[in-house]
Amino acid sequence: MTLWSGRFSSPMAQSLWDLSESYSFDHVLYAHDIRGTKAHVRGLEAAGLLSSDECLLLLSTLDEIAGEFEAGTFVREANDEDVHMAIERRATELAGPTGAKIHTGRSRNDQVATTMRLFCRDATTEVAGALLRLIDTLVEVGLRQRDAYLPGYTHLQRAQPVLLAHHLNAHAWSLLRDVDRLMDARERMDVSPLGAGALAGTSLPLQPELTARLLGFREAFANSLDAVSDRDFVAETLFDVAMIGVHLSRMGEELVLWTTSEFHFAALGDDYTTGSSMLPHKKNSDVAELARGKSGRLVGNLTGLLVTLKGLPLSYNRDLQEDKEPLFDSIGQVLLMLAAIDGAYHSITFHADVAALAADDETLVAMDIAERFVDQGVPFRQAHEEVGRLVGEAQRSGTSLRDAVAASERFSGYADLFAPGASLNARRSAGGSGPAAREAQGERLRVGIARARERVNG
């Protein structure tokens, strides 16, 4: 018998049950549901709908049920459609008639909405913490290789040299934005739906503000229809996670390139690489490829939920059950990705000599020659044209740019720009890629990380 069977003269068809049941995946919400239910029980006592003894009995019963879940001894009965009904059914078994009062003034609509907000609030905090650990690792690797540099790329063509720390810190800044987005989402979801009932509230003297405070929410809902139908917070969490996935995919693509024989800028540790079942010599950066691949899964989960939500009328519709599996999957997958990429960077060996040789590519000096012209009062477009013509002539004649500069009366005084590291050291503007800007940037990043950590922990 279901908890709503009074209206019906026949049981649910098996095919509908198979389509409808969600315990198989929503049982992971047990702790959040029990937390919300305990607040509801205390709210019922405050409203005079439960005696203090009944309240204490139900609270201890819910603690017992939580213990069963944690010990792996909770038994799902055949009619437990979801985790919420399973917990109520078990509470009634343990507490008798008092257990049957546990759902007074509450609908599964506001119950589930509350549980999901509690879950998302915890999940965003956990993911943000994992992001901060990866950010710390990126900073650490950059400090460990303080003077290492490599080519910076546009269009995947060598453009200008950059410090390795500058390059890794660029990823750190993008991940810090991910932390900010998660915390923004957490702030917006900090509203309790408990007390909204099925859609229109209740005639019972419940106090939504009280249960909101008990659950640590900033405030209670303002509109009961919105409270039970809103899944913006799930979609926003999925977007934030998908954006993290995009950033990790870019980092993964980079690690794949860096660790090829063609680039040979870096190698990952044996514990973060795999071999081939056929080719004995292979050492594959699978960790980076898997992170790159799973990002599509995260984008797909977001897209699926948005399509589900787009045509729903107010208020609650059963379609909303489809918010859970993509959310649980995305949170689980992104935590796996963050831990693995963090470990990969911890294991990395950077081949500074190879990277520096690539970064000292003489063609990258062209910009420095043009900027020295500008320092001498030559308009930039003129300087760009003259240097571009010199580069083109050198390439067409098979001459090195260094030799072309030395042979040119116009450019012969610029040979010093070809010294190893000279182009890197010339980048001195604030926020730029050279050593002169390093300390100010590092301090700014440290401040940003500290603020993000304070926000997450707060």
Protein backbone atom coordinates (compact mmCIF):
# COMPACT_ATOMS: atom_id res chain seq x y z
CA MET A 1 0.00 0.00 0.00
CA THR A 2 1.33 3.45 -0.90
CA LEU A 3 1.03 6.44 1.42
CA TRP A 4 -1.60 7.95 -0.89
CA SER A 5 -3.69 4.84 -1.68
CA GLY A 6 -6.94 5.94 -0.04
CA ARG A 7 -8.24 7.57 -3.21
CA PHE A 8 -7.61 4.52 -5.42
CA SER A 9 -9.43 1.22 -5.89
CA SER A 10 -6.54 -0.69 -7.53
CA PRO A 11 -2.78 -0.74 -7.04
CA MET A 12 -0.35 0.96 -9.38
CA ALA A 13 0.46 -1.01 -12.53
CA GLN A 14 3.94 -2.53 -12.53
CA SER A 15 4.95 -0.64 -15.65
CA LEU A 16 3.94 2.66 -14.03
CA TRP A 17 5.75 1.68 -10.84
CA ASP A 18 8.92 0.95 -12.81
CA LEU A 19 8.65 4.35 -14.47
CA SER A 20 7.71 6.17 -11.28
CA GLU A 21 9.95 4.82 -8.53
CA SER A 22 12.98 6.91 -7.63
CA TYR A 23 14.31 5.20 -4.49
CA SER A 24 16.91 3.46 -6.65
CA PHE A 25 18.70 6.78 -7.09
CA ASP A 26 17.27 9.24 -4.56
CA HIS A 27 18.16 7.12 -1.50
CA VAL A 28 21.40 9.16 -1.40
CA LEU A 29 19.27 12.03 -0.06
CA TYR A 30 18.44 10.21 3.18
CA ALA A 31 20.55 12.45 5.45
CA HIS A 32 19.15 15.64 3.94
CA ASP A 33 15.58 14.35 4.07
CA ILE A 34 15.96 13.34 7.71
CA ARG A 35 17.43 16.73 8.52
CA GLY A 36 14.48 18.49 6.88
CA THR A 37 12.00 16.16 8.57
CA LYS A 38 13.49 16.82 12.01
CA ALA A 39 13.04 20.55 11.45
CA HIS A 40 9.45 19.91 10.35
CA VAL A 41 8.80 17.86 13.51
CA ARG A 42 10.09 20.67 15.69
CA GLY A 43 7.91 23.06 13.73
CA LEU A 44 4.89 20.85 14.43
CA GLU A 45 5.68 20.99 18.13
CA ALA A 46 6.00 24.79 18.02
CA ALA A 47 2.60 24.94 16.29
CA GLY A 48 1.02 22.83 19.04
CA LEU A 49 0.39 19.92 16.66
CA LEU A 50 2.76 17.60 18.52
CA SER A 51 3.38 17.30 22.24
CA SER A 52 6.94 17.58 23.52
CA ASP A 53 6.98 13.83 24.19
CA GLU A 54 5.79 13.10 20.67
CA CYS A 55 8.42 15.45 19.27
CA LEU A 56 11.19 13.75 21.25
CA LEU A 57 9.98 10.32 20.14
CA LEU A 58 9.99 11.32 16.49
CA LEU A 59 13.40 12.97 16.69
CA SER A 60 14.94 9.88 18.29
CA THR A 61 13.16 7.70 15.72
CA LEU A 62 14.63 9.73 12.89
CA ASP A 63 18.08 9.41 14.47
CA GLU A 64 17.57 5.65 14.58
CA ILE A 65 16.60 5.59 10.91
CA ALA A 66 19.67 7.67 10.02
CA GLY A 67 21.77 5.12 11.88
CA GLU A 68 20.24 2.31 9.84
CA PHE A 69 21.13 4.07 6.59
CA GLU A 70 24.65 4.78 7.76
CA ALA A 71 25.14 1.17 8.88
CA GLY A 72 23.70 -0.16 5.62
CA THR A 73 20.92 -2.01 7.45
CA PHE A 74 17.95 0.06 6.28
CA VAL A 75 15.56 -2.22 4.41
CA ARG A 76 13.52 -0.84 1.55
CA GLU A 77 10.00 -2.25 1.44
CA ALA A 78 8.21 -3.09 -1.80
CA ASN A 79 5.97 -0.02 -1.63
CA ASP A 80 8.75 2.50 -0.89
CA GLU A 81 8.47 4.63 -4.01
CA ASP A 82 11.15 7.07 -2.97
CA VAL A 83 13.44 7.74 -0.03
CA HIS A 84 10.98 10.23 1.48
CA MET A 85 8.15 7.70 1.65
CA ALA A 86 10.57 5.04 2.89
CA ILE A 87 11.64 7.18 5.83
CA GLU A 88 8.05 8.06 6.74
CA ARG A 89 7.00 4.42 6.49
CA ARG A 90 9.87 3.34 8.73
CA ALA A 91 9.14 6.12 11.24
CA THR A 92 5.54 4.91 11.48
CA GLU A 93 6.76 1.35 12.07
CA LEU A 94 9.05 2.45 14.88
CA ALA A 95 6.94 5.17 16.49
CA GLY A 96 3.46 3.80 15.87
CA PRO A 97 0.57 6.29 15.71
CA THR A 98 2.92 9.15 16.50
CA GLY A 99 4.91 8.29 13.39
CA ALA A 100 1.76 8.72 11.34
CA LYS A 101 1.74 12.41 12.38
CA ILE A 102 5.14 13.13 10.84
CA HIS A 103 3.76 14.36 7.51
CA THR A 104 1.19 16.73 9.05
CA GLY A 105 1.02 20.00 7.11
CA ARG A 106 3.64 18.84 4.65
CA SER A 107 3.55 17.61 1.05
CA ARG A 108 6.19 15.65 -0.77
CA ASN A 109 6.34 18.75 -2.97
CA ASP A 110 7.79 21.06 -0.32
CA GLN A 111 9.58 18.13 1.32
CA VAL A 112 11.50 17.23 -1.83
CA ALA A 113 12.20 20.87 -2.70
CA THR A 114 13.68 21.38 0.78
CA THR A 115 15.73 18.21 0.62
CA MET A 116 17.13 19.14 -2.78
CA ARG A 117 18.12 22.61 -1.61
CA LEU A 118 19.91 21.12 1.38
CA PHE A 119 21.72 18.68 -0.91
CA CYS A 120 22.72 21.38 -3.40
CA ARG A 121 23.90 23.66 -0.63
CA ASP A 122 26.25 20.97 0.67
CA ALA A 123 27.30 19.89 -2.84
CA THR A 124 28.28 23.38 -3.96
CA THR A 125 30.39 23.75 -0.81
CA GLU A 126 32.10 20.40 -1.40
CA VAL A 127 32.87 21.14 -5.05
CA ALA A 128 34.17 24.61 -4.15
CA GLY A 129 36.52 23.03 -1.60
CA ALA A 130 37.86 20.65 -4.25
CA LEU A 131 38.39 23.59 -6.61
CA LEU A 132 40.40 25.44 -3.98
CA ARG A 133 42.63 22.39 -3.50
CA LEU A 134 43.33 22.27 -7.23
CA ILE A 135 44.03 26.00 -7.27
CA ASP A 136 46.54 25.54 -4.43
CA THR A 137 48.24 22.79 -6.44
CA LEU A 138 48.54 24.97 -9.55
CA VAL A 139 50.13 27.73 -7.49
CA GLU A 140 52.47 25.22 -5.83
CA VAL A 141 53.66 23.79 -9.17
CA GLY A 142 54.33 27.29 -10.46
CA LEU A 143 56.38 28.18 -7.38
CA ARG A 144 58.29 24.91 -7.64
CA GLN A 145 59.29 25.84 -11.20
CA ARG A 146 59.71 29.53 -10.51
CA ASP A 147 61.90 30.40 -13.49
CA ALA A 148 60.48 27.93 -16.03
CA TYR A 149 58.89 29.39 -19.13
CA LEU A 150 57.26 28.15 -22.30
CA PRO A 151 55.62 29.52 -25.43
CA GLY A 152 52.21 31.06 -25.00
CA TYR A 153 49.91 30.21 -27.87
CA THR A 154 47.15 31.80 -29.90
CA HIS A 155 45.44 29.64 -32.54
CA LEU A 156 47.76 26.89 -31.19
CA GLN A 157 50.63 28.74 -32.86
CA ARG A 158 53.56 30.06 -30.84
CA ALA A 159 52.88 33.68 -29.92
CA GLN A 160 54.94 35.00 -26.99
CA PRO A 161 56.87 33.41 -24.12
CA VAL A 162 55.21 33.19 -20.70
CA LEU A 163 56.32 32.00 -17.30
CA LEU A 164 54.97 28.57 -16.39
CA ALA A 165 53.60 30.08 -13.19
CA HIS A 166 51.79 32.74 -15.21
CA HIS A 167 50.27 30.04 -17.40
CA LEU A 168 49.12 27.90 -14.48
CA ASN A 169 47.81 30.94 -12.63
CA ALA A 170 45.59 31.69 -15.63
CA HIS A 171 43.86 28.38 -14.91
CA ALA A 172 43.75 29.26 -11.22
CA TRP A 173 41.89 32.48 -11.97
CA SER A 174 39.31 30.67 -14.10
CA LEU A 175 38.76 28.14 -11.31
CA LEU A 176 38.37 30.97 -8.80
CA ARG A 177 35.53 32.29 -10.94
CA ASP A 178 33.98 28.83 -10.69
CA VAL A 179 34.19 29.06 -6.90
CA ASP A 180 32.50 32.46 -7.02
CA ARG A 181 29.72 31.13 -9.23
CA LEU A 182 29.10 28.21 -6.87
CA MET A 183 28.95 30.54 -3.88
CA ASP A 184 26.60 32.90 -5.74
CA ALA A 185 24.36 29.93 -6.48
CA ARG A 186 24.54 28.81 -2.86
CA GLU A 187 23.43 32.24 -1.73
CA ARG A 188 20.46 32.29 -4.10
CA MET A 189 19.32 28.81 -3.05
CA ASP A 190 19.47 29.76 0.64
CA VAL A 191 15.67 29.95 0.88
CA SER A 192 13.57 27.30 2.62
CA PRO A 193 10.51 25.89 0.78
CA LEU A 194 9.33 23.98 3.85
CA GLY A 195 5.77 24.99 4.75
CA ALA A 196 4.66 25.64 1.18
CA GLY A 197 2.76 22.33 1.21
CA ALA A 198 1.58 20.91 -2.08
CA LEU A 199 1.38 24.37 -3.66
CA ALA A 200 -0.74 26.75 -1.56
CA GLY A 201 0.45 26.39 2.03
CA THR A 202 -1.75 24.97 4.79
CA SER A 203 -4.53 25.97 7.16
CA LEU A 204 -2.45 24.64 10.07
CA PRO A 205 -0.50 27.17 12.18
CA LEU A 206 2.96 26.26 10.84
CA GLN A 207 5.81 28.75 10.99
CA PRO A 208 8.00 28.51 7.87
CA GLU A 209 10.39 31.10 9.29
CA LEU A 210 11.09 28.83 12.26
CA THR A 211 11.92 25.76 10.19
CA ALA A 212 14.01 27.93 7.87
CA ARG A 213 16.12 29.02 10.85
CA LEU A 214 16.38 25.45 12.14
CA LEU A 215 17.76 24.35 8.77
CA GLY A 216 20.20 27.24 8.53
CA PHE A 217 18.45 28.91 5.62
CA ARG A 218 18.69 32.67 5.29
CA GLU A 219 14.92 33.03 4.95
CA ALA A 220 11.68 31.21 4.20
CA PHE A 221 9.90 31.25 0.84
CA ALA A 222 7.83 34.25 -0.19
CA ASN A 223 5.49 32.48 -2.60
CA SER A 224 4.31 28.90 -2.11
CA LEU A 225 3.76 28.23 -5.84
CA ASP A 226 7.29 29.31 -6.64
CA ALA A 227 8.71 27.41 -3.67
CA VAL A 228 7.54 23.98 -4.81
CA SER A 229 8.08 24.46 -8.56
CA ASP A 230 11.44 26.23 -8.58
CA ARG A 231 14.41 24.21 -9.80
CA ASP A 232 16.47 27.19 -10.89
CA PHE A 233 18.95 26.29 -8.18
CA VAL A 234 19.48 22.81 -9.67
CA ALA A 235 19.93 24.20 -13.17
CA GLU A 236 22.31 26.85 -11.88
CA THR A 237 24.34 24.24 -10.00
CA LEU A 238 24.49 22.11 -13.15
CA PHE A 239 25.64 25.11 -15.18
CA ASP A 240 28.37 25.90 -12.66
CA VAL A 241 29.53 22.28 -12.71
CA ALA A 242 29.42 22.19 -16.52
CA MET A 243 31.56 25.34 -16.63
CA ILE A 244 34.04 23.68 -14.28
CA GLY A 245 34.04 20.72 -16.65
CA VAL A 246 34.84 23.01 -19.58
CA HIS A 247 37.78 24.49 -17.67
CA LEU A 248 39.06 21.04 -16.68
CA SER A 249 38.68 19.91 -20.29
CA ARG A 250 40.89 22.76 -21.46
CA MET A 251 43.46 21.85 -18.84
CA GLY A 252 43.23 18.22 -19.91
CA GLU A 253 43.76 19.08 -23.56
CA GLU A 254 46.84 21.03 -22.56
CA LEU A 255 48.27 18.14 -20.55
CA VAL A 256 47.66 15.80 -23.48
CA LEU A 257 49.65 18.13 -25.76
CA TRP A 258 52.43 18.86 -23.29
CA THR A 259 53.08 15.16 -22.66
CA THR A 260 53.31 14.14 -26.33
CA SER A 261 56.71 13.39 -27.86
CA GLU A 262 56.09 16.28 -30.23
CA PHE A 263 55.84 18.84 -27.41
CA HIS A 264 57.69 17.01 -24.62
CA PHE A 265 57.12 19.93 -22.25
CA ALA A 266 56.07 17.65 -19.39
CA ALA A 267 55.54 14.11 -18.18
CA LEU A 268 52.95 12.83 -15.72
CA GLY A 269 53.83 10.37 -12.99
CA ASP A 270 53.37 6.65 -13.59
CA ASP A 271 50.53 6.68 -11.07
CA TYR A 272 48.58 9.11 -13.26
CA THR A 273 49.19 7.49 -16.64
CA THR A 274 48.25 4.20 -18.28
CA GLY A 275 49.80 1.78 -20.74
CA SER A 276 48.63 -0.04 -23.82
CA SER A 277 47.31 -3.58 -24.00
CA MET A 278 49.27 -4.02 -27.24
CA LEU A 279 52.08 -1.46 -27.45
CA PRO A 280 54.73 -2.01 -24.73
CA HIS A 281 56.26 1.46 -25.05
CA LYS A 282 53.12 3.51 -24.49
CA LYS A 283 52.56 5.89 -21.56
CA ASN A 284 49.20 7.56 -22.03
CA SER A 285 47.84 10.64 -20.26
CA ASP A 286 44.42 9.04 -19.82
CA VAL A 287 43.63 11.16 -16.76
CA ALA A 288 43.60 14.27 -18.96
CA GLU A 289 41.63 12.58 -21.72
CA LEU A 290 38.97 11.33 -19.31
CA ALA A 291 38.57 14.79 -17.82
CA ARG A 292 38.24 16.17 -21.33
CA GLY A 293 35.68 13.53 -22.22
CA LYS A 294 33.55 13.78 -19.09
CA SER A 295 33.03 17.50 -19.62
CA GLY A 296 30.58 16.63 -22.41
CA ARG A 297 28.60 14.53 -19.94
CA LEU A 298 28.31 17.51 -17.60
CA VAL A 299 27.11 19.77 -20.41
CA GLY A 300 24.61 17.08 -21.41
CA ASN A 301 23.19 16.87 -17.89
CA LEU A 302 22.61 20.62 -17.86
CA THR A 303 21.02 20.60 -21.30
CA GLY A 304 18.71 17.73 -20.38
CA LEU A 305 17.36 19.48 -17.30
CA LEU A 306 16.82 22.78 -19.11
CA VAL A 307 14.79 21.00 -21.77
CA THR A 308 12.75 19.28 -19.03
CA LEU A 309 12.00 22.58 -17.30
CA LYS A 310 11.21 24.74 -20.30
CA GLY A 311 7.54 23.81 -20.81
CA LEU A 312 6.30 23.17 -17.26
CA PRO A 313 3.28 25.08 -15.94
CA LEU A 314 2.99 26.11 -12.30
CA SER A 315 3.32 24.57 -9.90
CA TYR A 316 4.69 21.10 -9.18
CA ASN A 317 4.84 18.54 -11.99
CA ARG A 318 6.24 15.04 -11.81
CA ASP A 319 8.69 15.94 -14.56
CA LEU A 320 10.70 17.58 -11.79
CA GLN A 321 11.76 14.13 -10.61
CA GLU A 322 14.17 14.29 -13.55
CA ASP A 323 16.30 16.88 -11.73
CA LYS A 324 17.95 14.30 -9.49
CA GLU A 325 19.90 11.87 -11.64
CA PRO A 326 21.69 14.55 -13.69
CA LEU A 327 22.48 16.48 -10.52
CA PHE A 328 23.82 13.47 -8.62
CA ASP A 329 25.81 12.37 -11.67
CA SER A 330 27.34 15.79 -12.33
CA ILE A 331 28.35 16.35 -8.73
CA GLY A 332 29.87 12.88 -8.47
CA GLN A 333 31.71 13.14 -11.78
CA VAL A 334 33.13 16.62 -11.24
CA LEU A 335 34.49 15.61 -7.82
CA LEU A 336 36.22 12.64 -9.47
CA MET A 337 37.61 14.90 -12.19
CA LEU A 338 38.91 17.50 -9.73
CA ALA A 339 40.64 14.91 -7.55
CA ALA A 340 42.28 13.20 -10.54
CA ILE A 341 43.47 16.40 -12.23
CA ASP A 342 44.79 17.64 -8.88
CA GLY A 343 46.77 14.43 -8.51
CA ALA A 344 48.04 14.68 -12.08
CA TYR A 345 49.47 18.15 -11.50
CA HIS A 346 51.05 16.97 -8.24
CA SER A 347 52.78 14.23 -10.24
CA ILE A 348 53.95 16.40 -13.16
CA THR A 349 57.57 16.77 -14.21
CA PHE A 350 58.07 19.89 -16.31
CA HIS A 351 60.88 19.76 -18.87
CA ALA A 352 61.97 23.36 -18.48
CA ASP A 353 64.85 23.11 -20.96
CA VAL A 354 62.63 21.82 -23.77
CA ALA A 355 59.93 24.40 -23.08
CA ALA A 356 62.46 27.25 -22.90
CA LEU A 357 63.99 26.22 -26.22
CA ALA A 358 60.54 26.43 -27.81
CA ALA A 359 59.80 29.75 -26.09
CA ASP A 360 63.07 31.23 -27.38
CA ASP A 361 61.94 30.62 -30.96
CA GLU A 362 63.48 33.56 -32.80
CA THR A 363 60.27 34.44 -34.63
CA LEU A 364 58.70 35.37 -31.27
CA VAL A 365 61.17 38.28 -31.09
CA ALA A 366 59.33 40.05 -33.91
CA MET A 367 56.97 41.72 -31.47
CA ASP A 368 59.86 42.96 -29.32
CA ILE A 369 61.53 44.53 -32.35
CA ALA A 370 58.29 46.29 -33.27
CA GLU A 371 57.80 47.57 -29.70
CA ARG A 372 61.37 48.92 -29.58
CA PHE A 373 60.53 50.85 -32.74
CA VAL A 374 57.48 52.22 -30.97
CA ASP A 375 59.69 53.30 -28.04
CA GLN A 376 61.69 55.29 -30.58
CA GLY A 377 58.59 57.12 -31.80
CA VAL A 378 57.66 54.99 -34.80
CA PRO A 379 53.87 54.56 -35.16
CA PHE A 380 52.89 51.00 -34.27
CA ARG A 381 51.26 50.20 -37.62
CA GLN A 382 54.41 51.29 -39.42
CA ALA A 383 56.59 49.24 -37.07
CA HIS A 384 54.30 46.23 -37.50
CA GLU A 385 54.50 46.53 -41.29
CA GLU A 386 58.30 46.84 -41.40
CA VAL A 387 58.96 43.95 -39.03
CA GLY A 388 56.38 41.78 -40.76
CA ARG A 389 58.05 42.44 -44.10
CA LEU A 390 61.45 41.49 -42.61
CA VAL A 391 60.05 38.22 -41.19
CA GLY A 392 58.43 37.35 -44.51
CA GLU A 393 61.60 38.05 -46.50
CA ALA A 394 63.68 35.95 -44.10
CA GLN A 395 61.31 33.00 -44.37
CA ARG A 396 61.07 33.18 -48.13
CA SER A 397 64.85 33.28 -48.49
CA GLY A 398 65.47 30.54 -45.95
CA THR A 399 67.39 32.92 -43.68
CA SER A 400 67.01 32.97 -39.91
CA LEU A 401 65.38 36.06 -38.48
CA ARG A 402 68.47 36.65 -36.35
CA ASP A 403 70.68 36.70 -39.46
CA ALA A 404 68.21 38.87 -41.32
CA VAL A 405 68.26 41.40 -38.47
CA ALA A 406 72.05 41.37 -38.32
CA ALA A 407 72.29 41.95 -42.06
CA SER A 408 69.81 44.81 -42.07
CA GLU A 409 71.02 48.36 -41.54
CA ARG A 410 67.60 49.28 -40.18
CA PHE A 411 67.48 46.43 -37.65
CA SER A 412 71.12 45.61 -36.88
CA GLY A 413 71.05 47.16 -33.41
CA TYR A 414 68.46 44.70 -32.16
CA ALA A 415 70.54 41.54 -31.84
CA ASP A 416 70.32 41.61 -28.04
CA LEU A 417 66.62 40.76 -28.26
CA PHE A 418 67.51 37.24 -29.38
CA ALA A 419 69.28 36.30 -26.14
CA PRO A 420 67.63 33.38 -24.27
CA GLY A 421 64.84 34.70 -22.06
CA ALA A 422 65.14 38.26 -23.39
CA SER A 423 61.66 38.29 -24.91
CA LEU A 424 60.17 36.90 -21.70
CA ASN A 425 61.93 39.51 -19.56
CA ALA A 426 60.70 42.29 -21.83
CA ARG A 427 57.11 41.59 -20.80
CA ARG A 428 56.92 43.98 -17.85
CA SER A 429 53.38 45.40 -17.96
CA ALA A 430 51.07 44.80 -14.99
CA GLY A 431 49.31 41.47 -15.30
CA GLY A 432 51.76 40.41 -18.01
CA SER A 433 53.73 37.22 -18.43
CA GLY A 434 57.24 38.31 -17.46
CA PRO A 435 59.14 38.20 -14.15
CA ALA A 436 58.72 41.93 -13.47
CA ALA A 437 54.98 41.50 -12.93
CA ARG A 438 55.24 38.24 -10.98
CA GLU A 439 55.14 39.42 -7.39
CA ALA A 440 52.18 41.77 -7.76
CA GLN A 441 50.23 39.09 -9.59
CA GLY A 442 51.10 36.47 -7.01
CA GLU A 443 49.90 38.68 -4.18
CA ARG A 444 46.68 39.46 -5.99
CA LEU A 445 46.04 35.76 -6.53
CA ARG A 446 46.79 34.98 -2.89
CA VAL A 447 44.26 37.59 -1.81
CA GLY A 448 41.69 36.16 -4.23
CA ILE A 449 42.21 32.63 -2.92
CA ALA A 450 41.93 33.77 0.69
CA ARG A 451 38.68 35.61 -0.02
CA ALA A 452 37.27 32.61 -1.85
CA ARG A 453 38.22 30.26 0.96
CA GLU A 454 36.64 32.58 3.53
CA ARG A 455 33.46 32.69 1.47
CA VAL A 456 33.31 28.90 1.11
CA ASN A 457 33.95 28.27 4.78
CA GLY A 458 31.58 31.03 5.82
